[in-house]
Amino acid sequence: MKFRKKIWLVSSVILTVILSSCTLGATPAPTEDIGAIQTQAFSVVLTQVAMQQTQTALAVPSPLPTNTLSPLPSPTLGTLGSLPTFAPAGGVGTPLPFNTQQPGLTPLASLIPTSGIVSTVTTKNGCNDGTFIGETAPLDKDVIKAEKQFSKGWTIFNSGTCRWDEGYSFTFMPDLSSPELKGYSIVLKKDTPDEYTEPQHSQTFIVKLTAPKVAGDYKAYWKLRDDSGNYFGPLVSVWIVVQ
């Protein structure tokens, strides 16, 4: 037993001597510098980055897409719809026809067609002019019994600068009137100053008429005329319905 232990001990010593002799002639491995390793690695990284930038600069850039503007549609005028119709203030009403006489009122100049010398638009003639003020019944389209006598009056204001005196007349217009209504003229006579009308004063002219026998609508017209035969002032009328 002791002999075996000695043999094992001797063998271990011999093996140790052999291994030591193998490493005596070898050059020891140099110790690596950690700082140098880091510097070398950083240099490699910088070199790779520089190469990538150079390659990127040399590469031909792809053209950017061009925005294409679509043409705007040309403005088109639409067809205007029918305009709204507004009812008169205060409720629905029927529009009055032009020159329709209102109770107690008559337009200053009627637009009824006339024959030549009678002006129905301009009321002034030289220094003579007249303005309609009012009228008596019957008014337009009032009903009158056949063959009934009635009176009709019109008040006219002297808005000119001349006096209405001898030779002036409130003249019946037969060419404009219904032949069934037998109208007449009122002529101012000499030496009747009460019938004369000074400027800025008014005068009422009254005529007496008889309704026709036959049913229907009838009209008659009058207009002022000076002593030289010139018409002036408003064209006034009577309009009756015979039943």
C-alpha atoms as a PDB file:
ATOM      1  CA  MET A   1       0.000   0.000   0.000  1.00  0.00           C
ATOM      2  CA  LYS A   2       2.723   2.455   0.892  1.00  0.00           C
ATOM      3  CA  PHE A   3       4.547   1.399  -2.209  1.00  0.00           C
ATOM      4  CA  ARG A   4       1.609   2.418  -4.423  1.00  0.00           C
ATOM      5  CA  LYS A   5       1.415   5.896  -2.871  1.00  0.00           C
ATOM      6  CA  LYS A   6       5.079   6.484  -3.558  1.00  0.00           C
ATOM      7  CA  ILE A   7       4.704   5.427  -7.166  1.00  0.00           C
ATOM      8  CA  TRP A   8       1.767   7.895  -7.588  1.00  0.00           C
ATOM      9  CA  LEU A   9       3.722  10.718  -5.973  1.00  0.00           C
ATOM     10  CA  VAL A  10       6.786  10.074  -8.153  1.00  0.00           C
ATOM     11  CA  SER A  11       4.610   9.992 -11.258  1.00  0.00           C
ATOM     12  CA  SER A  12       3.022  13.356 -10.397  1.00  0.00           C
ATOM     13  CA  VAL A  13       6.411  14.984  -9.900  1.00  0.00           C
ATOM     14  CA  ILE A  14       7.716  13.649 -13.217  1.00  0.00           C
ATOM     15  CA  LEU A  15       4.571  14.887 -15.062  1.00  0.00           C
ATOM     16  CA  THR A  16       4.937  18.358 -13.563  1.00  0.00           C
ATOM     17  CA  VAL A  17       8.582  18.587 -14.620  1.00  0.00           C
ATOM     18  CA  ILE A  18       7.724  17.568 -18.174  1.00  0.00           C
ATOM     19  CA  LEU A  19       4.945  20.182 -18.519  1.00  0.00           C
ATOM     20  CA  SER A  20       7.167  22.972 -17.149  1.00  0.00           C
ATOM     21  CA  SER A  21       9.900  22.165 -19.643  1.00  0.00           C
ATOM     22  CA  CYS A  22       7.439  22.493 -22.536  1.00  0.00           C
ATOM     23  CA  THR A  23       6.546  26.083 -21.696  1.00  0.00           C
ATOM     24  CA  LEU A  24      10.025  27.394 -20.877  1.00  0.00           C
ATOM     25  CA  GLY A  25      10.979  28.187 -24.527  1.00  0.00           C
ATOM     26  CA  ALA A  26       7.626  29.755 -25.551  1.00  0.00           C
ATOM     27  CA  THR A  27       7.140  33.547 -25.792  1.00  0.00           C
ATOM     28  CA  PRO A  28       4.519  34.728 -23.373  1.00  0.00           C
ATOM     29  CA  ALA A  29       1.294  36.097 -25.029  1.00  0.00           C
ATOM     30  CA  PRO A  30       1.261  39.877 -25.025  1.00  0.00           C
ATOM     31  CA  THR A  31      -1.312  41.604 -22.838  1.00  0.00           C
ATOM     32  CA  GLU A  32      -3.985  43.420 -24.980  1.00  0.00           C
ATOM     33  CA  ASP A  33      -4.582  47.156 -24.351  1.00  0.00           C
ATOM     34  CA  ILE A  34      -8.339  47.767 -23.828  1.00  0.00           C
ATOM     35  CA  GLY A  35      -8.065  51.497 -24.843  1.00  0.00           C
ATOM     36  CA  ALA A  36      -6.439  50.557 -28.125  1.00  0.00           C
ATOM     37  CA  ILE A  37      -9.220  48.082 -28.869  1.00  0.00           C
ATOM     38  CA  GLN A  38     -11.903  50.764 -28.287  1.00  0.00           C
ATOM     39  CA  THR A  39     -10.032  53.302 -30.457  1.00  0.00           C
ATOM     40  CA  GLN A  40      -9.755  50.796 -33.301  1.00  0.00           C
ATOM     41  CA  ALA A  41     -13.464  49.928 -33.093  1.00  0.00           C
ATOM     42  CA  PHE A  42     -14.463  53.642 -33.149  1.00  0.00           C
ATOM     43  CA  SER A  43     -12.265  54.208 -36.223  1.00  0.00           C
ATOM     44  CA  VAL A  44     -14.005  51.343 -38.025  1.00  0.00           C
ATOM     45  CA  VAL A  45     -17.418  52.831 -37.268  1.00  0.00           C
ATOM     46  CA  LEU A  46     -16.402  56.302 -38.546  1.00  0.00           C
ATOM     47  CA  THR A  47     -15.032  54.758 -41.726  1.00  0.00           C
ATOM     48  CA  GLN A  48     -18.291  52.900 -42.407  1.00  0.00           C
ATOM     49  CA  VAL A  49     -20.381  56.058 -41.814  1.00  0.00           C
ATOM     50  CA  ALA A  50     -18.186  58.093 -44.179  1.00  0.00           C
ATOM     51  CA  MET A  51     -18.496  55.433 -46.873  1.00  0.00           C
ATOM     52  CA  GLN A  52     -22.310  55.394 -46.543  1.00  0.00           C
ATOM     53  CA  GLN A  53     -22.489  59.230 -46.851  1.00  0.00           C
ATOM     54  CA  THR A  54     -20.279  59.164 -49.944  1.00  0.00           C
ATOM     55  CA  GLN A  55     -22.424  56.508 -51.577  1.00  0.00           C
ATOM     56  CA  THR A  56     -25.575  58.511 -50.765  1.00  0.00           C
ATOM     57  CA  ALA A  57     -24.115  61.715 -52.267  1.00  0.00           C
ATOM     58  CA  LEU A  58     -23.077  59.895 -55.454  1.00  0.00           C
ATOM     59  CA  ALA A  59     -26.462  58.286 -55.917  1.00  0.00           C
ATOM     60  CA  VAL A  60     -28.708  60.068 -58.462  1.00  0.00           C
ATOM     61  CA  PRO A  61     -31.749  61.456 -56.613  1.00  0.00           C
ATOM     62  CA  SER A  62     -35.100  60.230 -57.815  1.00  0.00           C
ATOM     63  CA  PRO A  63     -37.271  63.050 -59.209  1.00  0.00           C
ATOM     64  CA  LEU A  64     -39.972  64.204 -56.864  1.00  0.00           C
ATOM     65  CA  PRO A  65     -43.544  63.638 -58.041  1.00  0.00           C
ATOM     66  CA  THR A  66     -45.032  66.706 -59.716  1.00  0.00           C
ATOM     67  CA  ASN A  67     -48.404  67.899 -58.482  1.00  0.00           C
ATOM     68  CA  THR A  68     -50.829  68.208 -61.394  1.00  0.00           C
ATOM     69  CA  LEU A  69     -53.544  70.825 -60.915  1.00  0.00           C
ATOM     70  CA  SER A  70     -56.889  69.744 -62.243  1.00  0.00           C
ATOM     71  CA  PRO A  71     -58.591  72.565 -64.226  1.00  0.00           C
ATOM     72  CA  LEU A  72     -61.335  74.262 -62.285  1.00  0.00           C
ATOM     73  CA  PRO A  73     -64.806  73.933 -63.799  1.00  0.00           C
ATOM     74  CA  SER A  74     -65.920  77.019 -65.702  1.00  0.00           C
ATOM     75  CA  PRO A  75     -68.637  78.940 -63.834  1.00  0.00           C
ATOM     76  CA  THR A  76     -72.030  78.388 -65.335  1.00  0.00           C
ATOM     77  CA  LEU A  77     -74.896  80.764 -64.796  1.00  0.00           C
ATOM     78  CA  GLY A  78     -77.916  78.816 -63.819  1.00  0.00           C
ATOM     79  CA  THR A  79     -81.360  79.668 -65.002  1.00  0.00           C
ATOM     80  CA  LEU A  80     -83.053  81.984 -62.560  1.00  0.00           C
ATOM     81  CA  GLY A  81     -86.213  80.615 -61.159  1.00  0.00           C
ATOM     82  CA  SER A  82     -89.368  82.572 -61.043  1.00  0.00           C
ATOM     83  CA  LEU A  83     -89.209  85.406 -58.548  1.00  0.00           C
ATOM     84  CA  PRO A  84     -91.381  85.109 -55.472  1.00  0.00           C
ATOM     85  CA  THR A  85     -94.549  87.104 -55.368  1.00  0.00           C
ATOM     86  CA  PHE A  86     -95.171  89.082 -52.210  1.00  0.00           C
ATOM     87  CA  ALA A  87     -98.622  89.843 -50.975  1.00  0.00           C
ATOM     88  CA  PRO A  88     -99.381  93.472 -50.099  1.00  0.00           C
ATOM     89  CA  ALA A  89     -98.851  94.501 -46.497  1.00  0.00           C
ATOM     90  CA  GLY A  90    -101.811  93.811 -44.293  1.00  0.00           C
ATOM     91  CA  GLY A  91    -103.003  90.702 -46.097  1.00  0.00           C
ATOM     92  CA  VAL A  92    -103.768  89.440 -49.588  1.00  0.00           C
ATOM     93  CA  GLY A  93    -105.157  92.067 -51.892  1.00  0.00           C
ATOM     94  CA  THR A  94    -105.904  92.561 -55.564  1.00  0.00           C
ATOM     95  CA  PRO A  95    -103.562  95.047 -57.251  1.00  0.00           C
ATOM     96  CA  LEU A  96    -105.313  98.123 -58.550  1.00  0.00           C
ATOM     97  CA  PRO A  97    -105.114  98.723 -62.316  1.00  0.00           C
ATOM     98  CA  PHE A  98    -103.271 101.853 -63.400  1.00  0.00           C
ATOM     99  CA  ASN A  99    -105.320 105.023 -63.101  1.00  0.00           C
ATOM    100  CA  THR A 100    -108.179 103.286 -61.283  1.00  0.00           C
ATOM    101  CA  GLN A 101    -110.084 105.977 -59.461  1.00  0.00           C
ATOM    102  CA  GLN A 102    -110.243 105.723 -55.679  1.00  0.00           C
ATOM    103  CA  PRO A 103    -113.209 107.058 -53.728  1.00  0.00           C
ATOM    104  CA  GLY A 104    -112.901 110.831 -53.734  1.00  0.00           C
ATOM    105  CA  LEU A 105    -109.683 110.850 -55.801  1.00  0.00           C
ATOM    106  CA  THR A 106    -108.821 110.945 -59.505  1.00  0.00           C
ATOM    107  CA  PRO A 107    -105.357 110.860 -61.137  1.00  0.00           C
ATOM    108  CA  LEU A 108    -104.058 114.267 -62.219  1.00  0.00           C
ATOM    109  CA  ALA A 109    -103.679 113.140 -65.820  1.00  0.00           C
ATOM    110  CA  SER A 110    -105.396 110.069 -67.281  1.00  0.00           C
ATOM    111  CA  LEU A 111    -103.508 108.039 -69.876  1.00  0.00           C
ATOM    112  CA  ILE A 112    -106.590 107.283 -71.967  1.00  0.00           C
ATOM    113  CA  PRO A 113    -105.741 107.719 -75.691  1.00  0.00           C
ATOM    114  CA  THR A 114    -106.852 111.083 -76.986  1.00  0.00           C
ATOM    115  CA  SER A 115    -107.041 112.806 -80.333  1.00  0.00           C
ATOM    116  CA  GLY A 116    -104.085 114.979 -81.128  1.00  0.00           C
ATOM    117  CA  ILE A 117    -104.509 118.365 -79.495  1.00  0.00           C
ATOM    118  CA  VAL A 118    -105.509 117.101 -76.031  1.00  0.00           C
ATOM    119  CA  SER A 119    -102.591 116.330 -73.733  1.00  0.00           C
ATOM    120  CA  THR A 120    -103.378 113.725 -71.084  1.00  0.00           C
ATOM    121  CA  VAL A 121     -99.896 113.644 -69.543  1.00  0.00           C
ATOM    122  CA  THR A 122     -98.695 117.260 -69.255  1.00  0.00           C
ATOM    123  CA  THR A 123    -101.134 119.490 -67.344  1.00  0.00           C
ATOM    124  CA  LYS A 124     -99.261 122.772 -67.771  1.00  0.00           C
ATOM    125  CA  ASN A 125     -99.619 125.013 -70.821  1.00  0.00           C
ATOM    126  CA  GLY A 126     -97.817 128.335 -70.592  1.00  0.00           C
ATOM    127  CA  CYS A 127     -98.961 130.192 -67.496  1.00  0.00           C
ATOM    128  CA  ASN A 128    -101.995 127.921 -67.147  1.00  0.00           C
ATOM    129  CA  ASP A 129    -102.075 124.809 -65.014  1.00  0.00           C
ATOM    130  CA  GLY A 130    -104.594 122.989 -62.848  1.00  0.00           C
ATOM    131  CA  THR A 131    -104.500 120.329 -60.150  1.00  0.00           C
ATOM    132  CA  PHE A 132    -107.361 117.956 -59.397  1.00  0.00           C
ATOM    133  CA  ILE A 133    -108.682 118.285 -55.833  1.00  0.00           C
ATOM    134  CA  GLY A 134    -111.814 116.128 -55.605  1.00  0.00           C
ATOM    135  CA  GLU A 135    -115.165 115.123 -57.128  1.00  0.00           C
ATOM    136  CA  THR A 136    -118.739 114.367 -56.192  1.00  0.00           C
ATOM    137  CA  ALA A 137    -120.780 111.194 -56.678  1.00  0.00           C
ATOM    138  CA  PRO A 138    -121.352 109.163 -58.742  1.00  0.00           C
ATOM    139  CA  LEU A 139    -117.867 107.697 -58.597  1.00  0.00           C
ATOM    140  CA  ASP A 140    -116.404 105.267 -61.116  1.00  0.00           C
ATOM    141  CA  LYS A 141    -118.699 102.305 -61.890  1.00  0.00           C
ATOM    142  CA  ASP A 142    -121.496 103.536 -59.646  1.00  0.00           C
ATOM    143  CA  VAL A 143    -124.832 102.090 -60.750  1.00  0.00           C
ATOM    144  CA  ILE A 144    -127.399 104.530 -62.169  1.00  0.00           C
ATOM    145  CA  LYS A 145    -130.917 103.660 -63.248  1.00  0.00           C
ATOM    146  CA  ALA A 146    -131.742 104.094 -66.906  1.00  0.00           C
ATOM    147  CA  GLU A 147    -132.832 107.643 -67.909  1.00  0.00           C
ATOM    148  CA  LYS A 148    -132.168 108.980 -64.428  1.00  0.00           C
ATOM    149  CA  GLN A 149    -130.884 112.561 -64.175  1.00  0.00           C
ATOM    150  CA  PHE A 150    -127.843 113.188 -61.985  1.00  0.00           C
ATOM    151  CA  SER A 151    -125.207 115.842 -61.313  1.00  0.00           C
ATOM    152  CA  LYS A 152    -121.451 115.424 -61.290  1.00  0.00           C
ATOM    153  CA  GLY A 153    -118.893 117.948 -59.974  1.00  0.00           C
ATOM    154  CA  TRP A 154    -115.087 118.264 -60.017  1.00  0.00           C
ATOM    155  CA  THR A 155    -112.968 120.684 -57.961  1.00  0.00           C
ATOM    156  CA  ILE A 156    -109.758 121.905 -59.653  1.00  0.00           C
ATOM    157  CA  PHE A 157    -107.030 124.071 -58.089  1.00  0.00           C
ATOM    158  CA  ASN A 158    -105.443 126.888 -60.170  1.00  0.00           C
ATOM    159  CA  SER A 159    -101.754 125.915 -59.841  1.00  0.00           C
ATOM    160  CA  GLY A 160    -100.646 128.228 -62.659  1.00  0.00           C
ATOM    161  CA  THR A 161     -99.995 131.980 -62.670  1.00  0.00           C
ATOM    162  CA  CYS A 162    -102.853 133.173 -64.921  1.00  0.00           C
ATOM    163  CA  ARG A 163    -106.439 133.869 -63.877  1.00  0.00           C
ATOM    164  CA  TRP A 164    -109.206 131.771 -65.356  1.00  0.00           C
ATOM    165  CA  ASP A 165    -111.593 134.385 -66.613  1.00  0.00           C
ATOM    166  CA  GLU A 166    -113.621 135.365 -69.689  1.00  0.00           C
ATOM    167  CA  GLY A 167    -113.150 132.890 -72.553  1.00  0.00           C
ATOM    168  CA  TYR A 168    -111.832 130.054 -70.392  1.00  0.00           C
ATOM    169  CA  SER A 169    -113.970 126.907 -70.370  1.00  0.00           C
ATOM    170  CA  PHE A 170    -114.481 123.554 -68.728  1.00  0.00           C
ATOM    171  CA  THR A 171    -114.710 121.742 -72.058  1.00  0.00           C
ATOM    172  CA  PHE A 172    -116.634 118.555 -72.846  1.00  0.00           C
ATOM    173  CA  MET A 173    -114.583 116.052 -74.916  1.00  0.00           C
ATOM    174  CA  PRO A 174    -117.075 114.279 -77.227  1.00  0.00           C
ATOM    175  CA  ASP A 175    -114.373 112.389 -79.145  1.00  0.00           C
ATOM    176  CA  LEU A 176    -113.393 110.587 -75.938  1.00  0.00           C
ATOM    177  CA  SER A 177    -116.869 110.134 -74.493  1.00  0.00           C
ATOM    178  CA  SER A 178    -119.693 107.664 -74.963  1.00  0.00           C
ATOM    179  CA  PRO A 179    -122.125 109.216 -77.484  1.00  0.00           C
ATOM    180  CA  GLU A 180    -125.082 108.187 -75.312  1.00  0.00           C
ATOM    181  CA  LEU A 181    -123.965 110.595 -72.556  1.00  0.00           C
ATOM    182  CA  LYS A 182    -124.950 114.083 -73.685  1.00  0.00           C
ATOM    183  CA  GLY A 183    -122.309 116.232 -72.048  1.00  0.00           C
ATOM    184  CA  TYR A 184    -121.644 119.947 -72.567  1.00  0.00           C
ATOM    185  CA  SER A 185    -119.053 122.645 -71.821  1.00  0.00           C
ATOM    186  CA  ILE A 186    -119.100 125.382 -69.161  1.00  0.00           C
ATOM    187  CA  VAL A 187    -117.805 128.651 -70.654  1.00  0.00           C
ATOM    188  CA  LEU A 188    -116.808 131.607 -68.457  1.00  0.00           C
ATOM    189  CA  LYS A 189    -118.605 134.736 -69.575  1.00  0.00           C
ATOM    190  CA  LYS A 190    -117.722 138.389 -69.510  1.00  0.00           C
ATOM    191  CA  ASP A 191    -118.455 140.399 -66.367  1.00  0.00           C
ATOM    192  CA  THR A 192    -118.996 137.343 -64.154  1.00  0.00           C
ATOM    193  CA  PRO A 193    -116.068 137.756 -61.724  1.00  0.00           C
ATOM    194  CA  ASP A 194    -117.609 135.335 -59.233  1.00  0.00           C
ATOM    195  CA  GLU A 195    -116.933 132.565 -61.749  1.00  0.00           C
ATOM    196  CA  TYR A 196    -113.309 133.557 -62.340  1.00  0.00           C
ATOM    197  CA  THR A 197    -110.527 131.679 -60.569  1.00  0.00           C
ATOM    198  CA  GLU A 198    -107.397 133.437 -59.360  1.00  0.00           C
ATOM    199  CA  PRO A 199    -104.048 131.611 -59.086  1.00  0.00           C
ATOM    200  CA  GLN A 200    -103.762 129.535 -55.877  1.00  0.00           C
ATOM    201  CA  HIS A 201    -107.562 129.279 -55.678  1.00  0.00           C
ATOM    202  CA  SER A 202    -109.920 126.459 -56.639  1.00  0.00           C
ATOM    203  CA  GLN A 203    -113.151 126.186 -58.613  1.00  0.00           C
ATOM    204  CA  THR A 204    -115.850 123.488 -58.722  1.00  0.00           C
ATOM    205  CA  PHE A 205    -117.381 122.720 -62.113  1.00  0.00           C
ATOM    206  CA  ILE A 206    -120.785 120.969 -62.011  1.00  0.00           C
ATOM    207  CA  VAL A 207    -122.646 119.421 -64.957  1.00  0.00           C
ATOM    208  CA  LYS A 208    -126.102 117.829 -65.145  1.00  0.00           C
ATOM    209  CA  LEU A 209    -126.458 114.599 -67.092  1.00  0.00           C
ATOM    210  CA  THR A 210    -129.039 111.942 -67.928  1.00  0.00           C
ATOM    211  CA  ALA A 211    -128.296 108.212 -67.875  1.00  0.00           C
ATOM    212  CA  PRO A 212    -128.848 106.412 -71.213  1.00  0.00           C
ATOM    213  CA  LYS A 213    -131.819 104.092 -71.772  1.00  0.00           C
ATOM    214  CA  VAL A 214    -129.779 100.989 -72.584  1.00  0.00           C
ATOM    215  CA  ALA A 215    -127.910  99.065 -69.885  1.00  0.00           C
ATOM    216  CA  GLY A 216    -124.129  99.229 -70.059  1.00  0.00           C
ATOM    217  CA  ASP A 217    -120.991 101.177 -69.077  1.00  0.00           C
ATOM    218  CA  TYR A 218    -120.736 104.835 -70.115  1.00  0.00           C
ATOM    219  CA  LYS A 219    -117.986 107.433 -69.801  1.00  0.00           C
ATOM    220  CA  ALA A 220    -117.634 111.153 -70.466  1.00  0.00           C
ATOM    221  CA  TYR A 221    -114.561 113.434 -70.238  1.00  0.00           C
ATOM    222  CA  TRP A 222    -113.798 117.132 -69.633  1.00  0.00           C
ATOM    223  CA  LYS A 223    -110.665 119.292 -69.688  1.00  0.00           C
ATOM    224  CA  LEU A 224    -109.887 122.972 -69.071  1.00  0.00           C
ATOM    225  CA  ARG A 225    -109.123 125.250 -72.048  1.00  0.00           C
ATOM    226  CA  ASP A 226    -107.901 128.858 -72.123  1.00  0.00           C
ATOM    227  CA  ASP A 227    -109.263 131.733 -74.222  1.00  0.00           C
ATOM    228  CA  SER A 228    -106.805 130.870 -77.024  1.00  0.00           C
ATOM    229  CA  GLY A 229    -108.053 127.284 -77.334  1.00  0.00           C
ATOM    230  CA  ASN A 230    -105.106 125.643 -75.508  1.00  0.00           C
ATOM    231  CA  TYR A 231    -105.941 122.721 -73.239  1.00  0.00           C
ATOM    232  CA  PHE A 232    -104.372 122.437 -69.779  1.00  0.00           C
ATOM    233  CA  GLY A 233    -104.959 120.880 -66.388  1.00  0.00           C
ATOM    234  CA  PRO A 234    -106.232 117.379 -65.560  1.00  0.00           C
ATOM    235  CA  LEU A 235    -108.497 115.281 -67.759  1.00  0.00           C
ATOM    236  CA  VAL A 236    -111.504 114.427 -65.562  1.00  0.00           C
ATOM    237  CA  SER A 237    -114.324 111.985 -66.224  1.00  0.00           C
ATOM    238  CA  VAL A 238    -117.541 110.338 -65.109  1.00  0.00           C
ATOM    239  CA  TRP A 239    -118.046 106.572 -65.413  1.00  0.00           C
ATOM    240  CA  ILE A 240    -121.452 105.057 -64.735  1.00  0.00           C
ATOM    241  CA  VAL A 241    -123.054 101.640 -65.078  1.00  0.00           C
ATOM    242  CA  VAL A 242    -126.655 101.683 -66.261  1.00  0.00           C
ATOM    243  CA  GLN A 243    -128.910  98.809 -65.197  1.00  0.00           C
END
